């Protein structure tokens, strides 16, 4: 799977589990997103509010974690426009 981040492009084809993990956990924001998810944050708005992260960076990091299978997006019932992100 190609990475969204140039520095970790070779990590996914590596036989080393640590190197592959570093390909997924590529930067500080990714670790902070996982921390917030483990603390019970589920919506985009909750992540944005608690981290003070820019929307473009947040969307990119969530998409990266979803692409890697660490998180999944689920429809959120109220309001309909929002989705929920959770750790698998």
C-alpha atoms as a PDB file:
ATOM      1  CA  UNK A   1       0.000   0.000   0.000  1.00  0.00           C
ATOM      2  CA  UNK A   2       1.524   3.346  -0.954  1.00  0.00           C
ATOM      3  CA  UNK A   3       1.991   5.803   1.867  1.00  0.00           C
ATOM      4  CA  UNK A   4       0.744   9.367   1.954  1.00  0.00           C
ATOM      5  CA  UNK A   5       4.101  10.335   3.450  1.00  0.00           C
ATOM      6  CA  UNK A   6       7.320  10.102   1.402  1.00  0.00           C
ATOM      7  CA  UNK A   7       9.524   9.228   4.377  1.00  0.00           C
ATOM      8  CA  UNK A   8       7.751   5.907   4.935  1.00  0.00           C
ATOM      9  CA  UNK A   9       7.213   4.668   1.361  1.00  0.00           C
ATOM     10  CA  UNK A  10       9.467   1.617   1.789  1.00  0.00           C
ATOM     11  CA  UNK A  11       8.118   0.662   5.200  1.00  0.00           C
ATOM     12  CA  UNK A  12       5.078  -1.256   3.951  1.00  0.00           C
ATOM     13  CA  UNK A  13       7.140  -3.687   1.886  1.00  0.00           C
ATOM     14  CA  UNK A  14       9.566  -4.378   4.731  1.00  0.00           C
ATOM     15  CA  UNK A  15       9.694  -7.750   6.466  1.00  0.00           C
ATOM     16  CA  UNK A  16      10.382  -6.014   9.781  1.00  0.00           C
ATOM     17  CA  UNK A  17       7.237  -5.475  11.876  1.00  0.00           C
ATOM     18  CA  UNK A  18       8.752  -2.437  13.588  1.00  0.00           C
ATOM     19  CA  UNK A  19       9.553  -0.798  10.257  1.00  0.00           C
ATOM     20  CA  UNK A  20       6.018  -1.493   8.967  1.00  0.00           C
ATOM     21  CA  UNK A  21       4.543  -0.053  12.189  1.00  0.00           C
ATOM     22  CA  UNK A  22       6.601   3.097  11.766  1.00  0.00           C
ATOM     23  CA  UNK A  23       5.143   3.373   8.267  1.00  0.00           C
ATOM     24  CA  UNK A  24       1.683   3.579   9.819  1.00  0.00           C
ATOM     25  CA  UNK A  25       2.613   5.661  12.873  1.00  0.00           C
ATOM     26  CA  UNK A  26       4.435   8.166  10.731  1.00  0.00           C
ATOM     27  CA  UNK A  27       4.290  11.359  12.780  1.00  0.00           C
ATOM     28  CA  UNK A  28       3.283  13.020  16.030  1.00  0.00           C
ATOM     29  CA  UNK A  29      -0.281  13.821  14.914  1.00  0.00           C
ATOM     30  CA  UNK A  30      -0.928  10.146  14.197  1.00  0.00           C
ATOM     31  CA  UNK A  31       0.106   9.164  17.723  1.00  0.00           C
ATOM     32  CA  UNK A  32      -2.046  11.947  19.182  1.00  0.00           C
ATOM     33  CA  UNK A  33      -5.055  10.808  17.123  1.00  0.00           C
ATOM     34  CA  UNK A  34      -4.646   7.267  18.437  1.00  0.00           C
ATOM     35  CA  UNK A  35      -4.376   8.580  22.002  1.00  0.00           C
ATOM     36  CA  UNK A  36      -7.586  10.559  21.605  1.00  0.00           C
ATOM     37  CA  UNK A  37      -9.378   7.573  20.077  1.00  0.00           C
ATOM     38  CA  UNK A  38      -8.290   5.398  23.008  1.00  0.00           C
ATOM     39  CA  UNK A  39      -9.632   8.082  25.362  1.00  0.00           C
ATOM     40  CA  UNK A  40     -13.056   7.745  23.720  1.00  0.00           C
ATOM     41  CA  UNK A  41     -13.077  10.482  21.083  1.00  0.00           C
ATOM     42  CA  UNK A  42     -15.079   9.354  18.074  1.00  0.00           C
ATOM     43  CA  UNK A  43     -16.145  12.267  15.887  1.00  0.00           C
ATOM     44  CA  UNK A  44     -14.104  14.505  13.629  1.00  0.00           C
ATOM     45  CA  UNK A  45     -15.224  17.514  15.677  1.00  0.00           C
ATOM     46  CA  UNK A  46     -13.998  15.895  18.922  1.00  0.00           C
ATOM     47  CA  UNK A  47     -10.568  15.191  17.426  1.00  0.00           C
ATOM     48  CA  UNK A  48     -10.339  18.706  16.025  1.00  0.00           C
ATOM     49  CA  UNK A  49     -11.416  20.357  19.277  1.00  0.00           C
ATOM     50  CA  UNK A  50      -9.209  18.307  21.610  1.00  0.00           C
ATOM     51  CA  UNK A  51      -6.074  18.414  19.471  1.00  0.00           C
ATOM     52  CA  UNK A  52      -6.300  21.888  17.964  1.00  0.00           C
ATOM     53  CA  UNK A  53      -5.220  20.323  14.668  1.00  0.00           C
ATOM     54  CA  UNK A  54      -5.903  21.886  11.268  1.00  0.00           C
ATOM     55  CA  UNK A  55      -8.690  20.319   9.242  1.00  0.00           C
ATOM     56  CA  UNK A  56      -6.481  19.373   6.279  1.00  0.00           C
ATOM     57  CA  UNK A  57      -3.922  17.634   8.516  1.00  0.00           C
ATOM     58  CA  UNK A  58      -6.648  15.898  10.524  1.00  0.00           C
ATOM     59  CA  UNK A  59      -8.430  14.637   7.417  1.00  0.00           C
ATOM     60  CA  UNK A  60      -5.139  13.381   5.958  1.00  0.00           C
ATOM     61  CA  UNK A  61      -4.077  11.554   9.126  1.00  0.00           C
ATOM     62  CA  UNK A  62      -7.507   9.939   9.608  1.00  0.00           C
ATOM     63  CA  UNK A  63      -7.524   8.831   5.959  1.00  0.00           C
ATOM     64  CA  UNK A  64      -4.034   7.362   6.431  1.00  0.00           C
ATOM     65  CA  UNK A  65      -5.116   5.377   9.514  1.00  0.00           C
ATOM     66  CA  UNK A  66      -8.275   4.197   7.740  1.00  0.00           C
ATOM     67  CA  UNK A  67      -6.231   3.151   4.666  1.00  0.00           C
ATOM     68  CA  UNK A  68      -3.854   1.187   6.919  1.00  0.00           C
ATOM     69  CA  UNK A  69      -6.736  -0.566   8.677  1.00  0.00           C
ATOM     70  CA  UNK A  70      -6.054   0.950  12.105  1.00  0.00           C
ATOM     71  CA  UNK A  71      -9.286   2.974  12.188  1.00  0.00           C
ATOM     72  CA  UNK A  72     -12.559   2.713  10.360  1.00  0.00           C
ATOM     73  CA  UNK A  73     -15.151   5.300   9.441  1.00  0.00           C
ATOM     74  CA  UNK A  74     -18.747   4.579  10.336  1.00  0.00           C
ATOM     75  CA  UNK A  75     -21.858   6.637   9.600  1.00  0.00           C
ATOM     76  CA  UNK A  76     -22.960   8.703  12.541  1.00  0.00           C
ATOM     77  CA  UNK A  77     -26.678   8.895  13.207  1.00  0.00           C
ATOM     78  CA  UNK A  78     -26.976  12.471  14.557  1.00  0.00           C
ATOM     79  CA  UNK A  79     -26.118  14.710  12.713  1.00  0.00           C
ATOM     80  CA  UNK A  80     -26.175  12.812   9.418  1.00  0.00           C
ATOM     81  CA  UNK A  81     -23.330  14.902   7.931  1.00  0.00           C
ATOM     82  CA  UNK A  82     -20.729  13.557  10.345  1.00  0.00           C
ATOM     83  CA  UNK A  83     -18.983  10.207  10.638  1.00  0.00           C
ATOM     84  CA  UNK A  84     -17.466   8.373  13.580  1.00  0.00           C
ATOM     85  CA  UNK A  85     -13.886   7.090  13.616  1.00  0.00           C
ATOM     86  CA  UNK A  86     -12.884   4.201  15.827  1.00  0.00           C
ATOM     87  CA  UNK A  87      -9.911   1.955  16.398  1.00  0.00           C
ATOM     88  CA  UNK A  88     -10.350  -1.570  15.089  1.00  0.00           C
END
